[in-house]
Amino acid sequence: MPNNPRVPKSVWYRKKNADCRKLLRLKSEDLTEKDFIFVAMEFQTFTPQQSVPKIKQYCAYQERCHREVRDKLYTFGLNKLEVEEIIYTLITENYLNEERFAIHYAGGKFRMKQWGKNKIKQSLKLKQVSDYCIKKALKEIDEKEYERTFQKLVEQKMKTLKSEKNIFIKKRKLQDFLLQKGFENDLIRGVVKNV
């Protein structure tokens, strides 16, 4: 294993996985040559001046929330004060706008994945987006389009449940499906009663 002063004896690194990112703690004896190169690349340190153009490109590629950008800057090896200064710069130069992110995120999840408002709200909360931005993003979703999507999902699910004889199981499966998609309880109750 090459001698590199930037990689400590005990190293935290992220192992990219299709399902999730797990933090693993490895001792230097456990690292193979391939792991070492991955760790060195993952924890490459940059000065604040080097980080600014990189993070601007990262933000320009797609809308990002503050937490995503903050996490990315910490992987560059910056301290808290430097990170906050860079985030302030990004906000003033309009590279980073949490309200804009929330609106784009909510619209995208609704159109592409047909998520309901509850699931979108929960997902934005996990990304630590402010309540004001979440409310504004949910207001941007067109109510008529929301209703059409809801009805379309109900029809699609009912087609798959045609073979189900037991009405209670049919209602339960429809309800579970719509709840999993993140739609509101009152909308779901109205549809389930009419089944």
Protein backbone atom coordinates (compact mmCIF):
# COMPACT_ATOMS: atom_id res chain seq x y z
CA MET A 1 0.00 0.00 0.00
CA PRO A 2 1.46 3.41 -0.94
CA ASN A 3 2.36 5.82 1.83
CA ASN A 4 0.05 8.83 1.70
CA PRO A 5 -0.06 11.35 4.56
CA ARG A 6 -3.59 12.43 3.62
CA VAL A 7 -5.09 9.01 4.40
CA PRO A 8 -5.03 8.32 8.15
CA LYS A 9 -4.48 4.89 9.73
CA SER A 10 -8.20 4.53 10.33
CA VAL A 11 -10.36 5.81 7.47
CA TRP A 12 -14.02 6.65 6.99
CA TYR A 13 -15.21 6.34 3.48
CA ARG A 14 -18.41 5.89 1.56
CA LYS A 15 -18.95 2.73 -0.36
CA LYS A 16 -21.29 3.44 -3.25
CA ASN A 17 -24.10 0.95 -3.42
CA ALA A 18 -27.16 0.81 -5.69
CA ASP A 19 -29.51 0.67 -2.71
CA CYS A 20 -27.83 2.98 -0.21
CA ARG A 21 -24.56 4.54 0.86
CA LYS A 22 -23.05 2.92 3.91
CA LEU A 23 -20.28 4.30 6.01
CA LEU A 24 -17.66 1.68 6.71
CA ARG A 25 -14.74 1.93 9.09
CA LEU A 26 -11.63 0.20 7.83
CA LYS A 27 -8.17 -0.04 9.35
CA SER A 28 -5.20 0.50 7.07
CA GLU A 29 -4.26 -3.20 7.27
CA ASP A 30 -7.66 -4.12 5.79
CA LEU A 31 -7.32 -1.80 2.78
CA THR A 32 -6.36 -3.35 -0.53
CA GLU A 33 -4.61 -1.34 -3.26
CA LYS A 34 -7.96 -0.78 -5.02
CA ASP A 35 -9.66 0.33 -1.78
CA PHE A 36 -6.80 2.70 -1.04
CA ILE A 37 -7.12 4.39 -4.44
CA PHE A 38 -10.89 4.69 -3.92
CA VAL A 39 -10.39 6.20 -0.45
CA ALA A 40 -7.74 8.61 -1.69
CA MET A 41 -10.04 9.78 -4.50
CA GLU A 42 -13.06 10.02 -2.21
CA PHE A 43 -11.25 12.11 0.38
CA GLN A 44 -9.21 14.31 -1.87
CA THR A 45 -8.81 17.60 -0.03
CA PHE A 46 -9.27 20.93 -1.74
CA THR A 47 -8.69 24.49 -0.64
CA PRO A 48 -11.74 26.78 -0.48
CA GLN A 49 -10.56 28.48 -3.69
CA GLN A 50 -10.40 25.12 -5.50
CA SER A 51 -13.75 24.04 -4.06
CA VAL A 52 -15.80 27.01 -5.28
CA PRO A 53 -15.69 26.26 -9.04
CA LYS A 54 -16.23 22.55 -8.39
CA ILE A 55 -19.27 23.15 -6.21
CA LYS A 56 -20.66 25.74 -8.64
CA GLN A 57 -20.53 23.12 -11.37
CA TYR A 58 -22.18 20.63 -8.99
CA CYS A 59 -25.03 23.10 -8.32
CA ALA A 60 -25.37 24.12 -11.99
CA TYR A 61 -25.83 20.51 -13.10
CA GLN A 62 -29.15 20.19 -11.24
CA GLU A 63 -31.01 21.86 -8.39
CA ARG A 64 -29.55 20.96 -4.99
CA CYS A 65 -30.73 21.42 -1.43
CA HIS A 66 -28.46 23.00 1.18
CA ARG A 67 -27.78 19.67 2.87
CA GLU A 68 -26.55 18.00 -0.33
CA VAL A 69 -24.15 20.87 -1.01
CA ARG A 70 -22.98 20.97 2.60
CA ASP A 71 -22.27 17.22 2.55
CA LYS A 72 -20.37 17.53 -0.74
CA LEU A 73 -18.22 20.37 0.64
CA TYR A 74 -17.36 18.33 3.74
CA THR A 75 -16.10 15.53 1.47
CA PHE A 76 -13.69 18.11 0.02
CA GLY A 77 -12.07 18.31 3.46
CA LEU A 78 -13.30 21.80 4.36
CA ASN A 79 -14.12 22.92 7.88
CA LYS A 80 -17.48 24.31 9.04
CA LEU A 81 -16.56 27.99 8.67
CA GLU A 82 -15.27 27.50 5.11
CA VAL A 83 -18.36 25.49 4.19
CA GLU A 84 -20.72 28.17 5.50
CA GLU A 85 -18.83 30.91 3.64
CA ILE A 86 -19.04 28.97 0.36
CA ILE A 87 -22.75 28.27 0.87
CA TYR A 88 -23.32 31.99 1.49
CA THR A 89 -21.49 32.75 -1.77
CA LEU A 90 -23.59 30.19 -3.67
CA ILE A 91 -26.81 31.68 -2.32
CA THR A 92 -25.82 35.25 -3.19
CA GLU A 93 -24.80 34.21 -6.72
CA ASN A 94 -28.10 32.27 -7.06
CA TYR A 95 -26.46 28.88 -7.58
CA LEU A 96 -28.27 27.60 -4.50
CA ASN A 97 -31.93 28.32 -3.83
CA GLU A 98 -33.83 26.00 -1.54
CA GLU A 99 -37.25 27.27 -2.60
CA ARG A 100 -36.44 26.65 -6.25
CA PHE A 101 -35.08 23.21 -5.36
CA ALA A 102 -38.26 22.28 -3.46
CA ILE A 103 -40.51 23.36 -6.33
CA HIS A 104 -38.50 21.42 -8.92
CA TYR A 105 -38.21 18.36 -6.66
CA ALA A 106 -41.93 18.25 -5.84
CA GLY A 107 -42.96 18.77 -9.46
CA GLY A 108 -40.55 16.11 -10.68
CA LYS A 109 -41.60 13.48 -8.16
CA PHE A 110 -45.27 14.16 -8.87
CA ARG A 111 -44.95 14.03 -12.67
CA MET A 112 -42.40 11.24 -13.01
CA LYS A 113 -43.13 8.94 -10.07
CA GLN A 114 -46.73 10.01 -9.38
CA TRP A 115 -46.08 10.60 -5.70
CA GLY A 116 -48.75 12.13 -3.52
CA LYS A 117 -48.28 15.25 -1.43
CA ASN A 118 -47.61 13.34 1.81
CA LYS A 119 -44.72 11.38 0.32
CA ILE A 120 -43.23 14.48 -1.31
CA LYS A 121 -43.50 16.39 1.97
CA GLN A 122 -41.82 13.57 3.91
CA SER A 123 -39.03 13.29 1.35
CA LEU A 124 -38.34 17.04 1.47
CA LYS A 125 -38.26 16.92 5.28
CA LEU A 126 -35.64 14.17 5.09
CA LYS A 127 -33.58 16.54 2.94
CA GLN A 128 -33.98 19.16 5.72
CA VAL A 129 -35.87 21.64 3.56
CA SER A 130 -37.72 24.36 5.50
CA ASP A 131 -41.48 24.09 6.09
CA TYR A 132 -42.07 27.34 4.18
CA CYS A 133 -40.36 25.93 1.07
CA ILE A 134 -42.26 22.64 1.38
CA LYS A 135 -45.62 24.45 1.55
CA LYS A 136 -44.71 26.63 -1.41
CA ALA A 137 -43.63 23.58 -3.44
CA LEU A 138 -46.85 21.69 -2.69
CA LYS A 139 -48.95 24.72 -3.70
CA GLU A 140 -47.25 24.66 -7.12
CA ILE A 141 -48.78 21.25 -7.88
CA ASP A 142 -51.91 21.79 -9.99
CA GLU A 143 -55.00 20.44 -8.14
CA LYS A 144 -56.77 19.28 -11.30
CA GLU A 145 -53.68 17.41 -12.47
CA TYR A 146 -53.31 15.95 -8.96
CA GLU A 147 -56.90 14.65 -9.06
CA ARG A 148 -56.41 13.20 -12.58
CA THR A 149 -53.25 11.39 -11.50
CA PHE A 150 -54.98 10.05 -8.40
CA GLN A 151 -57.93 8.73 -10.45
CA LYS A 152 -55.57 7.21 -13.03
CA LEU A 153 -53.68 5.33 -10.30
CA VAL A 154 -56.95 4.09 -8.79
CA GLU A 155 -58.10 2.78 -12.18
CA GLN A 156 -54.76 1.08 -12.84
CA LYS A 157 -54.78 -0.61 -9.45
CA MET A 158 -58.40 -1.72 -9.79
CA LYS A 159 -57.52 -3.43 -13.10
CA THR A 160 -54.87 -5.48 -11.31
CA LEU A 161 -57.34 -6.36 -8.53
CA LYS A 162 -60.12 -7.67 -10.82
CA SER A 163 -59.34 -11.29 -9.94
CA GLU A 164 -59.59 -10.60 -6.19
CA LYS A 165 -62.92 -12.03 -4.94
CA ASN A 166 -62.83 -10.81 -1.34
CA ILE A 167 -64.01 -7.17 -1.26
CA PHE A 168 -62.25 -6.43 2.04
CA ILE A 169 -58.88 -7.60 0.71
CA LYS A 170 -59.47 -5.61 -2.47
CA LYS A 171 -60.19 -2.45 -0.45
CA ARG A 172 -57.19 -3.05 1.78
CA LYS A 173 -54.81 -3.55 -1.16
CA LEU A 174 -56.10 -0.41 -2.89
CA GLN A 175 -55.78 1.60 0.32
CA ASP A 176 -52.25 0.33 1.00
CA PHE A 177 -51.17 1.12 -2.56
CA LEU A 178 -52.48 4.69 -2.42
CA LEU A 179 -51.00 5.29 1.04
CA GLN A 180 -47.64 4.00 -0.18
CA LYS A 181 -47.85 6.47 -3.08
CA GLY A 182 -48.34 9.24 -0.50
CA PHE A 183 -51.89 10.40 -1.11
CA GLU A 184 -54.05 11.93 1.62
CA ASN A 185 -56.30 9.79 3.80
CA ASP A 186 -59.51 11.69 3.00
CA LEU A 187 -58.99 11.16 -0.76
CA ILE A 188 -58.30 7.46 -0.19
CA ARG A 189 -61.31 6.96 2.10
CA GLY A 190 -63.63 8.48 -0.51
CA VAL A 191 -62.41 6.06 -3.18
CA VAL A 192 -62.29 2.96 -0.96
CA LYS A 193 -65.92 3.46 0.17
CA ASN A 194 -67.11 3.35 -3.44
CA VAL A 195 -65.31 0.07 -4.27
